[in-house]
Amino acid sequence: MKWFQNTVTRRFNVRHREWGRLFGDRYKAVVVDGGSRYYYETLWDYIHLNPSRARLVDLAQGQSVLDYPWSSIGRWVCLDAASKDEVVGGGKTAGDDGGGGHG
């Protein structure tokens, strides 16, 4: 990722006769480790609604986050309940998470 950001920045700066960073900071990955299914469901909602919050889809024209081409929500919507439980709860049902579960 570092090579990619440096290469893109150099090419952009040469082409536009600019100087400095193109991206604010280096790519950062954060480990997500919540204690309950509710935590993961909230996180997934946050991620999948970002295109709408950033106004990358026009809700006034009848578009939805499903129309955003770089989102995985279309695939998520097509999953059955058992598959969603496995992804979100690590194979556990809402009552098995040890945290009182929501559901």
N, C-alpha and C. Protein backbone atom coordinates (compact mmCIF):
# COMPACT_ATOMS: atom_id res chain seq x y z
N MET A 1 0.83 -1.19 0.00
CA MET A 1 0.00 0.00 0.00
C MET A 1 0.87 1.25 0.00
N LYS A 2 1.97 1.21 0.72
CA LYS A 2 2.87 2.36 0.77
C LYS A 2 3.41 2.67 -0.62
N TRP A 3 3.83 1.63 -1.35
CA TRP A 3 4.35 1.83 -2.71
C TRP A 3 3.28 2.47 -3.60
N PHE A 4 2.05 1.96 -3.51
CA PHE A 4 0.96 2.47 -4.34
C PHE A 4 0.69 3.94 -4.06
N GLN A 5 0.60 4.30 -2.78
CA GLN A 5 0.33 5.70 -2.43
C GLN A 5 1.45 6.61 -2.89
N ASN A 6 2.70 6.19 -2.71
CA ASN A 6 3.83 7.02 -3.14
C ASN A 6 3.84 7.19 -4.65
N THR A 7 3.58 6.12 -5.39
CA THR A 7 3.59 6.18 -6.85
C THR A 7 2.48 7.09 -7.37
N VAL A 8 1.29 6.92 -6.85
CA VAL A 8 0.16 7.76 -7.28
C VAL A 8 0.43 9.22 -6.94
N THR A 9 0.96 9.48 -5.76
CA THR A 9 1.25 10.85 -5.34
C THR A 9 2.29 11.49 -6.25
N ARG A 10 3.37 10.77 -6.52
CA ARG A 10 4.41 11.32 -7.39
C ARG A 10 3.88 11.63 -8.77
N ARG A 11 3.13 10.70 -9.35
CA ARG A 11 2.58 10.93 -10.71
C ARG A 11 1.61 12.09 -10.73
N PHE A 12 0.75 12.19 -9.72
CA PHE A 12 -0.21 13.29 -9.65
C PHE A 12 0.52 14.62 -9.52
N ASN A 13 1.50 14.68 -8.61
CA ASN A 13 2.22 15.93 -8.38
C ASN A 13 2.99 16.37 -9.61
N VAL A 14 3.60 15.44 -10.35
CA VAL A 14 4.32 15.81 -11.57
C VAL A 14 3.33 16.31 -12.62
N ARG A 15 2.24 15.60 -12.80
CA ARG A 15 1.25 15.96 -13.82
C ARG A 15 0.63 17.32 -13.55
N HIS A 16 0.36 17.63 -12.28
CA HIS A 16 -0.34 18.87 -11.94
C HIS A 16 0.59 19.94 -11.35
N ARG A 17 1.88 19.67 -11.40
CA ARG A 17 2.88 20.60 -10.88
C ARG A 17 2.56 21.02 -9.44
N GLU A 18 2.29 20.03 -8.64
CA GLU A 18 1.98 20.22 -7.23
C GLU A 18 3.09 19.64 -6.39
N TRP A 19 3.00 19.85 -5.07
CA TRP A 19 3.98 19.31 -4.15
C TRP A 19 3.28 18.90 -2.87
N GLY A 20 3.69 17.81 -2.27
CA GLY A 20 3.15 17.40 -0.98
C GLY A 20 2.35 16.12 -1.07
N ARG A 21 1.71 15.81 0.06
CA ARG A 21 0.94 14.58 0.16
C ARG A 21 -0.35 14.66 -0.64
N LEU A 22 -0.70 13.55 -1.24
CA LEU A 22 -1.99 13.45 -1.90
C LEU A 22 -3.01 12.84 -0.95
N PHE A 23 -2.55 11.87 -0.17
CA PHE A 23 -3.39 11.22 0.82
C PHE A 23 -2.99 11.77 2.19
N GLY A 24 -3.96 11.92 3.07
CA GLY A 24 -3.69 12.49 4.39
C GLY A 24 -2.69 11.71 5.21
N ASP A 25 -2.91 10.43 5.35
CA ASP A 25 -2.04 9.58 6.15
C ASP A 25 -1.91 8.23 5.48
N ARG A 26 -1.03 7.44 6.00
CA ARG A 26 -0.88 6.09 5.49
C ARG A 26 -2.14 5.29 5.78
N TYR A 27 -2.34 4.27 4.96
CA TYR A 27 -3.45 3.35 5.18
C TYR A 27 -3.32 2.73 6.56
N LYS A 28 -4.43 2.64 7.26
CA LYS A 28 -4.39 2.08 8.61
C LYS A 28 -5.50 1.06 8.75
N ALA A 29 -5.16 -0.11 9.20
CA ALA A 29 -6.14 -1.14 9.48
C ALA A 29 -6.30 -1.26 10.99
N VAL A 30 -7.54 -1.34 11.42
CA VAL A 30 -7.84 -1.44 12.84
C VAL A 30 -8.54 -2.76 13.09
N VAL A 31 -8.09 -3.50 14.06
CA VAL A 31 -8.73 -4.76 14.42
C VAL A 31 -10.05 -4.44 15.13
N VAL A 32 -11.11 -5.05 14.64
CA VAL A 32 -12.43 -4.84 15.23
C VAL A 32 -12.76 -6.07 16.06
N ASP A 33 -12.93 -5.88 17.34
CA ASP A 33 -13.22 -7.00 18.22
C ASP A 33 -14.28 -6.58 19.22
N GLY A 34 -15.53 -6.78 18.83
CA GLY A 34 -16.62 -6.43 19.73
C GLY A 34 -17.07 -7.64 20.52
N GLY A 35 -17.78 -7.39 21.56
CA GLY A 35 -18.20 -8.47 22.42
C GLY A 35 -19.55 -9.06 22.09
N SER A 36 -20.31 -8.40 21.22
CA SER A 36 -21.66 -8.89 20.97
C SER A 36 -22.02 -8.75 19.50
N ARG A 37 -23.05 -9.45 19.12
CA ARG A 37 -23.57 -9.39 17.75
C ARG A 37 -24.04 -7.98 17.43
N TYR A 38 -24.65 -7.30 18.40
CA TYR A 38 -25.14 -5.94 18.19
C TYR A 38 -24.02 -5.01 17.74
N TYR A 39 -22.83 -5.17 18.31
CA TYR A 39 -21.68 -4.35 17.94
C TYR A 39 -21.36 -4.50 16.46
N TYR A 40 -21.32 -5.75 15.99
CA TYR A 40 -21.00 -6.00 14.59
C TYR A 40 -22.10 -5.52 13.65
N GLU A 41 -23.35 -5.68 14.04
CA GLU A 41 -24.44 -5.20 13.20
C GLU A 41 -24.39 -3.68 13.07
N THR A 42 -24.08 -2.99 14.15
CA THR A 42 -23.95 -1.54 14.11
C THR A 42 -22.79 -1.12 13.22
N LEU A 43 -21.68 -1.83 13.31
CA LEU A 43 -20.52 -1.54 12.47
C LEU A 43 -20.84 -1.75 11.00
N TRP A 44 -21.51 -2.85 10.67
CA TRP A 44 -21.88 -3.11 9.27
C TRP A 44 -22.82 -2.04 8.76
N ASP A 45 -23.80 -1.61 9.57
CA ASP A 45 -24.70 -0.54 9.15
C ASP A 45 -23.92 0.74 8.87
N TYR A 46 -22.99 1.07 9.75
CA TYR A 46 -22.17 2.27 9.57
C TYR A 46 -21.40 2.22 8.26
N ILE A 47 -20.76 1.09 7.99
CA ILE A 47 -19.96 0.95 6.77
C ILE A 47 -20.84 1.03 5.53
N HIS A 48 -21.94 0.32 5.53
CA HIS A 48 -22.77 0.25 4.34
C HIS A 48 -23.56 1.53 4.08
N LEU A 49 -23.75 2.36 5.09
CA LEU A 49 -24.47 3.62 4.88
C LEU A 49 -23.53 4.79 4.54
N ASN A 50 -22.23 4.57 4.57
CA ASN A 50 -21.28 5.64 4.24
C ASN A 50 -21.50 6.26 2.87
N PRO A 51 -21.78 5.50 1.79
CA PRO A 51 -22.02 6.15 0.50
C PRO A 51 -23.20 7.12 0.54
N SER A 52 -24.21 6.79 1.32
CA SER A 52 -25.35 7.69 1.45
C SER A 52 -24.98 8.94 2.22
N ARG A 53 -24.24 8.78 3.31
CA ARG A 53 -23.83 9.93 4.12
C ARG A 53 -22.90 10.86 3.35
N ALA A 54 -22.08 10.28 2.48
CA ALA A 54 -21.14 11.08 1.69
C ALA A 54 -21.79 11.63 0.42
N ARG A 55 -23.08 11.35 0.26
CA ARG A 55 -23.86 11.81 -0.90
C ARG A 55 -23.29 11.28 -2.22
N LEU A 56 -22.82 10.04 -2.20
CA LEU A 56 -22.34 9.38 -3.40
C LEU A 56 -23.48 8.69 -4.14
N VAL A 57 -24.60 8.54 -3.49
CA VAL A 57 -25.83 8.07 -4.13
C VAL A 57 -26.89 9.15 -3.91
N ASP A 58 -27.71 9.37 -4.91
CA ASP A 58 -28.72 10.43 -4.83
C ASP A 58 -30.07 9.83 -4.47
N LEU A 59 -30.42 9.93 -3.21
CA LEU A 59 -31.67 9.36 -2.73
C LEU A 59 -32.87 10.05 -3.34
N ALA A 60 -32.74 11.34 -3.67
CA ALA A 60 -33.85 12.09 -4.25
C ALA A 60 -34.21 11.57 -5.64
N GLN A 61 -33.24 10.97 -6.33
CA GLN A 61 -33.49 10.42 -7.66
C GLN A 61 -33.83 8.94 -7.62
N GLY A 62 -34.08 8.42 -6.44
CA GLY A 62 -34.48 7.03 -6.31
C GLY A 62 -33.33 6.04 -6.21
N GLN A 63 -32.10 6.51 -6.10
CA GLN A 63 -30.98 5.61 -5.93
C GLN A 63 -30.92 5.13 -4.48
N SER A 64 -30.23 4.04 -4.27
CA SER A 64 -30.02 3.54 -2.92
C SER A 64 -28.58 3.10 -2.78
N VAL A 65 -28.19 2.71 -1.58
CA VAL A 65 -26.83 2.22 -1.38
C VAL A 65 -26.58 0.95 -2.19
N LEU A 66 -27.64 0.26 -2.58
CA LEU A 66 -27.49 -0.92 -3.44
C LEU A 66 -26.97 -0.54 -4.82
N ASP A 67 -27.17 0.72 -5.24
CA ASP A 67 -26.71 1.19 -6.53
C ASP A 67 -25.25 1.63 -6.52
N TYR A 68 -24.66 1.74 -5.35
CA TYR A 68 -23.27 2.17 -5.25
C TYR A 68 -22.37 0.99 -5.67
N PRO A 69 -21.57 1.16 -6.73
CA PRO A 69 -20.85 0.01 -7.31
C PRO A 69 -19.75 -0.58 -6.45
N TRP A 70 -19.20 0.15 -5.49
CA TRP A 70 -18.09 -0.36 -4.69
C TRP A 70 -18.54 -0.85 -3.32
N SER A 71 -19.81 -1.10 -3.17
CA SER A 71 -20.33 -1.57 -1.90
C SER A 71 -20.62 -3.06 -1.96
N SER A 72 -20.46 -3.74 -0.85
CA SER A 72 -20.77 -5.16 -0.79
C SER A 72 -22.16 -5.42 -0.21
N ILE A 73 -22.93 -4.38 -0.01
CA ILE A 73 -24.23 -4.58 0.62
C ILE A 73 -25.18 -5.39 -0.25
N GLY A 74 -25.05 -5.31 -1.56
CA GLY A 74 -25.89 -6.11 -2.44
C GLY A 74 -25.72 -7.59 -2.19
N ARG A 75 -24.49 -8.00 -2.00
CA ARG A 75 -24.22 -9.41 -1.69
C ARG A 75 -24.73 -9.75 -0.28
N TRP A 76 -24.59 -8.83 0.64
CA TRP A 76 -25.04 -9.05 2.02
C TRP A 76 -26.54 -9.24 2.07
N VAL A 77 -27.28 -8.44 1.30
CA VAL A 77 -28.74 -8.52 1.29
C VAL A 77 -29.19 -9.89 0.77
N CYS A 78 -28.43 -10.46 -0.16
CA CYS A 78 -28.80 -11.74 -0.77
C CYS A 78 -28.48 -12.94 0.12
N LEU A 79 -27.69 -12.77 1.17
CA LEU A 79 -27.35 -13.89 2.05
C LEU A 79 -28.56 -14.31 2.87
N ASP A 80 -28.65 -15.60 3.15
CA ASP A 80 -29.73 -16.07 4.01
C ASP A 80 -29.37 -15.80 5.48
N ALA A 81 -30.33 -15.96 6.35
CA ALA A 81 -30.14 -15.62 7.77
C ALA A 81 -29.03 -16.43 8.41
N ALA A 82 -28.90 -17.71 8.07
CA ALA A 82 -27.87 -18.55 8.67
C ALA A 82 -26.47 -18.06 8.29
N SER A 83 -26.30 -17.64 7.03
CA SER A 83 -25.01 -17.13 6.59
C SER A 83 -24.68 -15.82 7.29
N LYS A 84 -25.67 -14.96 7.47
CA LYS A 84 -25.45 -13.70 8.18
C LYS A 84 -25.05 -13.96 9.63
N ASP A 85 -25.71 -14.93 10.26
CA ASP A 85 -25.35 -15.28 11.64
C ASP A 85 -23.90 -15.73 11.73
N GLU A 86 -23.45 -16.49 10.73
CA GLU A 86 -22.08 -16.99 10.75
C GLU A 86 -21.08 -15.84 10.58
N VAL A 87 -21.39 -14.89 9.71
CA VAL A 87 -20.49 -13.76 9.47
C VAL A 87 -20.48 -12.82 10.67
N VAL A 88 -21.64 -12.43 11.14
CA VAL A 88 -21.75 -11.44 12.19
C VAL A 88 -21.42 -12.01 13.56
N GLY A 89 -21.92 -13.19 13.84
CA GLY A 89 -21.77 -13.74 15.18
C GLY A 89 -20.71 -14.80 15.30
N GLY A 90 -19.93 -15.02 14.26
CA GLY A 90 -18.89 -16.04 14.33
C GLY A 90 -19.47 -17.43 14.52
N GLY A 91 -20.67 -17.67 13.92
CA GLY A 91 -21.29 -18.97 14.04
C GLY A 91 -22.17 -19.10 15.26
N LYS A 92 -22.25 -18.07 16.09
CA LYS A 92 -23.06 -18.10 17.30
C LYS A 92 -24.39 -17.43 17.03
N THR A 93 -25.39 -17.84 17.71
CA THR A 93 -26.67 -17.14 17.63
C THR A 93 -26.64 -15.97 18.60
N ALA A 94 -27.62 -15.11 18.51
CA ALA A 94 -27.62 -13.90 19.32
C ALA A 94 -27.58 -14.21 20.81
N GLY A 95 -28.20 -15.30 21.25
CA GLY A 95 -28.21 -15.62 22.66
C GLY A 95 -26.94 -16.31 23.16
N ASP A 96 -26.05 -16.71 22.24
CA ASP A 96 -24.84 -17.46 22.62
C ASP A 96 -23.63 -16.57 22.80
N ASP A 97 -23.75 -15.28 22.64
CA ASP A 97 -22.55 -14.43 22.64
C ASP A 97 -22.03 -14.10 24.04
N GLY A 98 -22.75 -14.50 25.04
CA GLY A 98 -22.26 -14.28 26.40
C GLY A 98 -22.50 -12.88 26.91
N GLY A 99 -23.00 -12.01 26.04
CA GLY A 99 -23.22 -10.63 26.45
C GLY A 99 -24.67 -10.27 26.56
N GLY A 100 -25.53 -11.22 26.63
CA GLY A 100 -26.95 -10.91 26.75
C GLY A 100 -27.62 -10.80 25.40
N GLY A 101 -26.85 -10.63 24.34
CA GLY A 101 -27.32 -10.64 22.95
C GLY A 101 -28.52 -9.78 22.68
N HIS A 102 -28.61 -9.32 21.49
CA HIS A 102 -29.76 -8.56 21.01
C HIS A 102 -30.37 -9.38 19.90
N GLY A 103 -31.64 -9.47 19.81
CA GLY A 103 -32.21 -10.20 18.70
C GLY A 103 -33.50 -10.70 19.05
